[in-house]
Amino acid sequence: MRTDPEIFIPLENGNPLDEVLTERYENFDIYWYHWPHDGPRWFSLFMREEDYEPVIVIYCNDEVSCVITRPHWEYHYSSVKEEGLEVPPKILFEDEWHPALTKTKVNIREFELKKLDLTPHSYSPNITKSERISQKFRTGLGHNSRIGKPPVQDPADIAQEAYEYYCA
C-alpha cells in the first residue's frame, strides 16, 4: 500500500517547507520536499538557492521495501530487510541544509536524539511530472554546490535500479 513518509523538520524559522511534490511511477514514488532556500537565512543573503530534496519510496508487491534519500548529493539506501526500515517511513531533515535521515532499527537511537529538536510536519503532496523538477535539482547540473563536479544520477534512474535489486 502506498504511503506518504512521515517527516520531521527544523522549526520553521524563516525557511518553511514550501510544498511537497510527488512523482508517481508503477513501482516507486519520488517525493520532492521544496524549501525557499538552502541553508540558514543569513546564508541566503549571499547565495539564494532554492532547495528540492528527493526521498524515494520503493514498493515490492505494493509494500514499502526501501527508502532512498540524497543528503548532500549522495544516495543512501534503507531497506526493510537489511536495515530494518520502519514502515510507514519516517524521515527527518536535520537542519536548515535539509540532509535527510531515514528511521531504521540500525539508527533508531541517532534518529530519536535528532528528532528531539524537530517538529512533525503534516503535508499533502501534489502529484507532478518529472519535467516539473529541473535538472539543476534532479542531477545537480548547473547547481551552485556542484560547480566543477559531474552531475549525479537522476533519482528516477536510481529508483528503477533499486526496484530491480530489492524486488527482482
C-alpha atoms as a PDB file:
ATOM      1  CA  MET A   1       0.000   0.000   0.000  1.00  0.00           C
ATOM      2  CA  ARG A   2       1.382   3.414  -0.948  1.00  0.00           C
ATOM      3  CA  THR A   3       2.014   5.643   1.998  1.00  0.00           C
ATOM      4  CA  ASP A   4       3.488   9.119   2.360  1.00  0.00           C
ATOM      5  CA  PRO A   5       6.565   9.324   4.583  1.00  0.00           C
ATOM      6  CA  GLU A   6       6.127  10.996   7.955  1.00  0.00           C
ATOM      7  CA  ILE A   7       8.554  13.920   8.162  1.00  0.00           C
ATOM      8  CA  PHE A   8      10.206  15.933  10.897  1.00  0.00           C
ATOM      9  CA  ILE A   9      11.740  19.313  10.083  1.00  0.00           C
ATOM     10  CA  PRO A  10      13.522  22.136  11.911  1.00  0.00           C
ATOM     11  CA  LEU A  11      11.208  24.675  13.475  1.00  0.00           C
ATOM     12  CA  GLU A  12      10.120  26.989  10.703  1.00  0.00           C
ATOM     13  CA  ASN A  13      12.433  29.915  11.398  1.00  0.00           C
ATOM     14  CA  GLY A  14      12.263  31.849   8.153  1.00  0.00           C
ATOM     15  CA  ASN A  15      12.782  28.797   5.933  1.00  0.00           C
ATOM     16  CA  PRO A  16       9.458  26.944   5.940  1.00  0.00           C
ATOM     17  CA  LEU A  17       8.749  23.960   3.738  1.00  0.00           C
ATOM     18  CA  ASP A  18       7.065  25.455   0.644  1.00  0.00           C
ATOM     19  CA  GLU A  19       5.496  22.369  -0.883  1.00  0.00           C
ATOM     20  CA  VAL A  20       5.825  18.638  -1.457  1.00  0.00           C
ATOM     21  CA  LEU A  21       5.620  17.297  -4.990  1.00  0.00           C
ATOM     22  CA  THR A  22       5.336  13.602  -5.814  1.00  0.00           C
ATOM     23  CA  GLU A  23       6.259  11.783  -8.997  1.00  0.00           C
ATOM     24  CA  ARG A  24       4.298   8.524  -9.136  1.00  0.00           C
ATOM     25  CA  TYR A  25       5.659   5.542 -11.037  1.00  0.00           C
ATOM     26  CA  GLU A  26       4.476   1.946 -11.190  1.00  0.00           C
ATOM     27  CA  ASN A  27       6.879   0.662  -8.510  1.00  0.00           C
ATOM     28  CA  PHE A  28       8.127   3.764  -6.717  1.00  0.00           C
ATOM     29  CA  ASP A  29       7.334   7.336  -5.755  1.00  0.00           C
ATOM     30  CA  ILE A  30       9.734  10.264  -5.646  1.00  0.00           C
ATOM     31  CA  TYR A  31       8.832  12.924  -3.093  1.00  0.00           C
ATOM     32  CA  TRP A  32      10.372  16.347  -3.649  1.00  0.00           C
ATOM     33  CA  TYR A  33      10.481  18.464  -0.488  1.00  0.00           C
ATOM     34  CA  HIS A  34      10.832  22.096  -1.572  1.00  0.00           C
ATOM     35  CA  TRP A  35      12.205  24.933   0.577  1.00  0.00           C
ATOM     36  CA  PRO A  36      12.592  28.586  -0.475  1.00  0.00           C
ATOM     37  CA  HIS A  37      16.347  28.400   0.173  1.00  0.00           C
ATOM     38  CA  ASP A  38      19.077  26.024   1.227  1.00  0.00           C
ATOM     39  CA  GLY A  39      20.944  26.699   4.458  1.00  0.00           C
ATOM     40  CA  PRO A  40      20.372  29.227   7.222  1.00  0.00           C
ATOM     41  CA  ARG A  41      18.661  32.522   6.467  1.00  0.00           C
ATOM     42  CA  TRP A  42      21.903  34.531   6.675  1.00  0.00           C
ATOM     43  CA  PHE A  43      23.461  32.266   4.015  1.00  0.00           C
ATOM     44  CA  SER A  44      20.608  33.022   1.624  1.00  0.00           C
ATOM     45  CA  LEU A  45      21.589  36.711   1.718  1.00  0.00           C
ATOM     46  CA  PHE A  46      24.796  35.775  -0.139  1.00  0.00           C
ATOM     47  CA  MET A  47      23.701  32.802  -2.221  1.00  0.00           C
ATOM     48  CA  ARG A  48      19.976  32.478  -2.741  1.00  0.00           C
ATOM     49  CA  GLU A  49      19.354  28.949  -3.947  1.00  0.00           C
ATOM     50  CA  GLU A  50      16.019  27.215  -3.504  1.00  0.00           C
ATOM     51  CA  ASP A  51      16.207  23.609  -2.378  1.00  0.00           C
ATOM     52  CA  TYR A  52      14.473  20.442  -3.581  1.00  0.00           C
ATOM     53  CA  GLU A  53      15.314  17.294  -1.600  1.00  0.00           C
ATOM     54  CA  PRO A  54      14.214  13.930  -3.032  1.00  0.00           C
ATOM     55  CA  VAL A  55      13.037  10.981  -0.974  1.00  0.00           C
ATOM     56  CA  ILE A  56      12.335   7.819  -2.968  1.00  0.00           C
ATOM     57  CA  VAL A  57       9.975   5.102  -1.728  1.00  0.00           C
ATOM     58  CA  ILE A  58      10.302   1.708  -3.464  1.00  0.00           C
ATOM     59  CA  TYR A  59       7.371  -0.743  -3.445  1.00  0.00           C
ATOM     60  CA  CYS A  60       7.558  -4.503  -3.918  1.00  0.00           C
ATOM     61  CA  ASN A  61       4.110  -6.042  -4.401  1.00  0.00           C
ATOM     62  CA  ASP A  62       2.525  -2.821  -3.072  1.00  0.00           C
ATOM     63  CA  GLU A  63       4.540  -2.975   0.168  1.00  0.00           C
ATOM     64  CA  VAL A  64       7.283  -0.489   1.121  1.00  0.00           C
ATOM     65  CA  SER A  65      10.618  -2.210   0.576  1.00  0.00           C
ATOM     66  CA  CYS A  66      13.205   0.572   0.554  1.00  0.00           C
ATOM     67  CA  VAL A  67      13.613   4.310   1.050  1.00  0.00           C
ATOM     68  CA  ILE A  68      16.385   6.266  -0.638  1.00  0.00           C
ATOM     69  CA  THR A  69      17.474   9.721   0.491  1.00  0.00           C
ATOM     70  CA  ARG A  70      20.089  12.020  -1.033  1.00  0.00           C
ATOM     71  CA  PRO A  71      21.797  14.166   1.609  1.00  0.00           C
ATOM     72  CA  HIS A  72      24.471  16.369   0.041  1.00  0.00           C
ATOM     73  CA  TRP A  73      24.053  14.672  -3.370  1.00  0.00           C
ATOM     74  CA  GLU A  74      24.930  11.155  -2.088  1.00  0.00           C
ATOM     75  CA  TYR A  75      22.288   8.433  -2.251  1.00  0.00           C
ATOM     76  CA  HIS A  76      21.602   6.482   0.976  1.00  0.00           C
ATOM     77  CA  TYR A  77      19.532   3.298   0.947  1.00  0.00           C
ATOM     78  CA  SER A  78      17.419   1.948   3.835  1.00  0.00           C
ATOM     79  CA  SER A  79      15.563  -1.308   3.268  1.00  0.00           C
ATOM     80  CA  VAL A  80      13.046  -3.179   5.378  1.00  0.00           C
ATOM     81  CA  LYS A  81      15.108  -6.385   5.271  1.00  0.00           C
ATOM     82  CA  GLU A  82      18.676  -5.100   5.630  1.00  0.00           C
ATOM     83  CA  GLU A  83      18.444  -2.037   7.891  1.00  0.00           C
ATOM     84  CA  GLY A  84      15.043  -2.642   9.472  1.00  0.00           C
ATOM     85  CA  LEU A  85      13.335   0.312   7.806  1.00  0.00           C
ATOM     86  CA  GLU A  86      10.295   1.379   9.802  1.00  0.00           C
ATOM     87  CA  VAL A  87       7.001   1.459   7.894  1.00  0.00           C
ATOM     88  CA  PRO A  88       5.444   3.899   7.325  1.00  0.00           C
ATOM     89  CA  PRO A  89       8.785   5.572   6.594  1.00  0.00           C
ATOM     90  CA  LYS A  90       9.900   8.318   8.941  1.00  0.00           C
ATOM     91  CA  ILE A  91      12.262  10.958   7.574  1.00  0.00           C
ATOM     92  CA  LEU A  92      13.880  13.809   9.409  1.00  0.00           C
ATOM     93  CA  PHE A  93      15.510  16.814   7.835  1.00  0.00           C
ATOM     94  CA  GLU A  94      18.201  17.507  10.401  1.00  0.00           C
ATOM     95  CA  ASP A  95      18.861  21.204   9.904  1.00  0.00           C
ATOM     96  CA  GLU A  96      18.454  24.132   7.531  1.00  0.00           C
ATOM     97  CA  TRP A  97      20.624  22.414   4.898  1.00  0.00           C
ATOM     98  CA  HIS A  98      17.951  19.663   4.849  1.00  0.00           C
ATOM     99  CA  PRO A  99      20.024  16.454   4.890  1.00  0.00           C
ATOM    100  CA  ALA A 100      17.505  13.620   5.229  1.00  0.00           C
ATOM    101  CA  LEU A 101      17.815  10.712   7.663  1.00  0.00           C
ATOM    102  CA  THR A 102      15.505   7.680   7.500  1.00  0.00           C
ATOM    103  CA  LYS A 103      14.498   5.874  10.697  1.00  0.00           C
ATOM    104  CA  THR A 104      15.641   2.247  10.834  1.00  0.00           C
ATOM    105  CA  LYS A 105      16.394  -0.295  13.556  1.00  0.00           C
ATOM    106  CA  VAL A 106      20.091   0.315  12.841  1.00  0.00           C
ATOM    107  CA  ASN A 107      19.951   4.070  13.610  1.00  0.00           C
ATOM    108  CA  ILE A 108      16.960   4.332  15.964  1.00  0.00           C
ATOM    109  CA  ARG A 109      18.952   5.996  18.791  1.00  0.00           C
ATOM    110  CA  GLU A 110      20.523   8.579  16.477  1.00  0.00           C
ATOM    111  CA  PHE A 111      17.156   9.285  14.845  1.00  0.00           C
ATOM    112  CA  GLU A 112      15.301   9.727  18.139  1.00  0.00           C
ATOM    113  CA  LEU A 113      18.000  12.034  19.561  1.00  0.00           C
ATOM    114  CA  LYS A 114      17.986  14.255  16.478  1.00  0.00           C
ATOM    115  CA  LYS A 115      14.178  14.247  16.392  1.00  0.00           C
ATOM    116  CA  LEU A 116      14.063  15.996  19.790  1.00  0.00           C
ATOM    117  CA  ASP A 117      14.937  19.337  18.150  1.00  0.00           C
ATOM    118  CA  LEU A 118      12.467  18.934  15.301  1.00  0.00           C
ATOM    119  CA  THR A 119       8.745  19.157  14.812  1.00  0.00           C
ATOM    120  CA  PRO A 120       6.448  16.714  12.967  1.00  0.00           C
ATOM    121  CA  HIS A 121       5.095  18.242   9.794  1.00  0.00           C
ATOM    122  CA  SER A 122       1.895  17.242   8.027  1.00  0.00           C
ATOM    123  CA  TYR A 123       1.577  17.763   4.304  1.00  0.00           C
ATOM    124  CA  SER A 124      -0.464  16.816   1.270  1.00  0.00           C
ATOM    125  CA  PRO A 125       1.779  16.042  -1.680  1.00  0.00           C
ATOM    126  CA  ASN A 126       0.866  17.371  -5.101  1.00  0.00           C
ATOM    127  CA  ILE A 127       1.245  14.901  -7.946  1.00  0.00           C
ATOM    128  CA  THR A 128       3.677  16.161 -10.575  1.00  0.00           C
ATOM    129  CA  LYS A 129       5.590  15.036 -13.646  1.00  0.00           C
ATOM    130  CA  SER A 130       9.360  14.651 -13.758  1.00  0.00           C
ATOM    131  CA  GLU A 131       9.659  17.648 -16.109  1.00  0.00           C
ATOM    132  CA  ARG A 132       8.495  19.939 -13.263  1.00  0.00           C
ATOM    133  CA  ILE A 133      11.799  19.391 -11.390  1.00  0.00           C
ATOM    134  CA  SER A 134      14.713  20.842 -13.351  1.00  0.00           C
ATOM    135  CA  GLN A 135      17.993  19.025 -13.990  1.00  0.00           C
ATOM    136  CA  LYS A 136      19.550  21.512 -11.601  1.00  0.00           C
ATOM    137  CA  PHE A 137      17.801  19.680  -8.732  1.00  0.00           C
ATOM    138  CA  ARG A 138      17.484  16.222 -10.288  1.00  0.00           C
ATOM    139  CA  THR A 139      21.178  15.791 -11.156  1.00  0.00           C
ATOM    140  CA  GLY A 140      22.930  18.928  -9.886  1.00  0.00           C
ATOM    141  CA  LEU A 141      23.682  20.114 -13.422  1.00  0.00           C
ATOM    142  CA  GLY A 142      24.165  23.888 -13.052  1.00  0.00           C
ATOM    143  CA  HIS A 143      23.631  23.878  -9.271  1.00  0.00           C
ATOM    144  CA  ASN A 144      25.900  26.188  -7.229  1.00  0.00           C
ATOM    145  CA  SER A 145      27.012  23.336  -4.967  1.00  0.00           C
ATOM    146  CA  ARG A 146      28.058  21.160  -7.947  1.00  0.00           C
ATOM    147  CA  ILE A 147      30.269  23.617  -9.864  1.00  0.00           C
ATOM    148  CA  GLY A 148      33.196  21.709 -11.325  1.00  0.00           C
ATOM    149  CA  LYS A 149      31.656  18.359 -10.339  1.00  0.00           C
ATOM    150  CA  PRO A 150      29.897  15.865 -12.592  1.00  0.00           C
ATOM    151  CA  PRO A 151      26.122  15.516 -12.346  1.00  0.00           C
ATOM    152  CA  VAL A 152      24.727  12.781 -10.111  1.00  0.00           C
ATOM    153  CA  GLN A 153      22.392  10.072 -11.343  1.00  0.00           C
ATOM    154  CA  ASP A 154      18.742  11.077 -11.738  1.00  0.00           C
ATOM    155  CA  PRO A 155      16.525   9.887  -8.851  1.00  0.00           C
ATOM    156  CA  ALA A 156      14.172   8.070 -11.251  1.00  0.00           C
ATOM    157  CA  ASP A 157      17.085   6.010 -12.598  1.00  0.00           C
ATOM    158  CA  ILE A 158      18.305   5.265  -9.065  1.00  0.00           C
ATOM    159  CA  ALA A 159      14.761   4.218  -8.101  1.00  0.00           C
ATOM    160  CA  GLN A 160      14.423   1.838 -11.055  1.00  0.00           C
ATOM    161  CA  GLU A 161      17.790   0.218 -10.240  1.00  0.00           C
ATOM    162  CA  ALA A 162      16.783  -0.145  -6.582  1.00  0.00           C
ATOM    163  CA  TYR A 163      13.441  -1.678  -7.547  1.00  0.00           C
ATOM    164  CA  GLU A 164      15.224  -4.253  -9.698  1.00  0.00           C
ATOM    165  CA  TYR A 165      17.697  -5.022  -6.886  1.00  0.00           C
ATOM    166  CA  TYR A 166      15.246  -5.236  -3.969  1.00  0.00           C
ATOM    167  CA  CYS A 167      12.223  -6.660  -5.758  1.00  0.00           C
ATOM    168  CA  ALA A 168      13.542  -8.924  -8.511  1.00  0.00           C
END
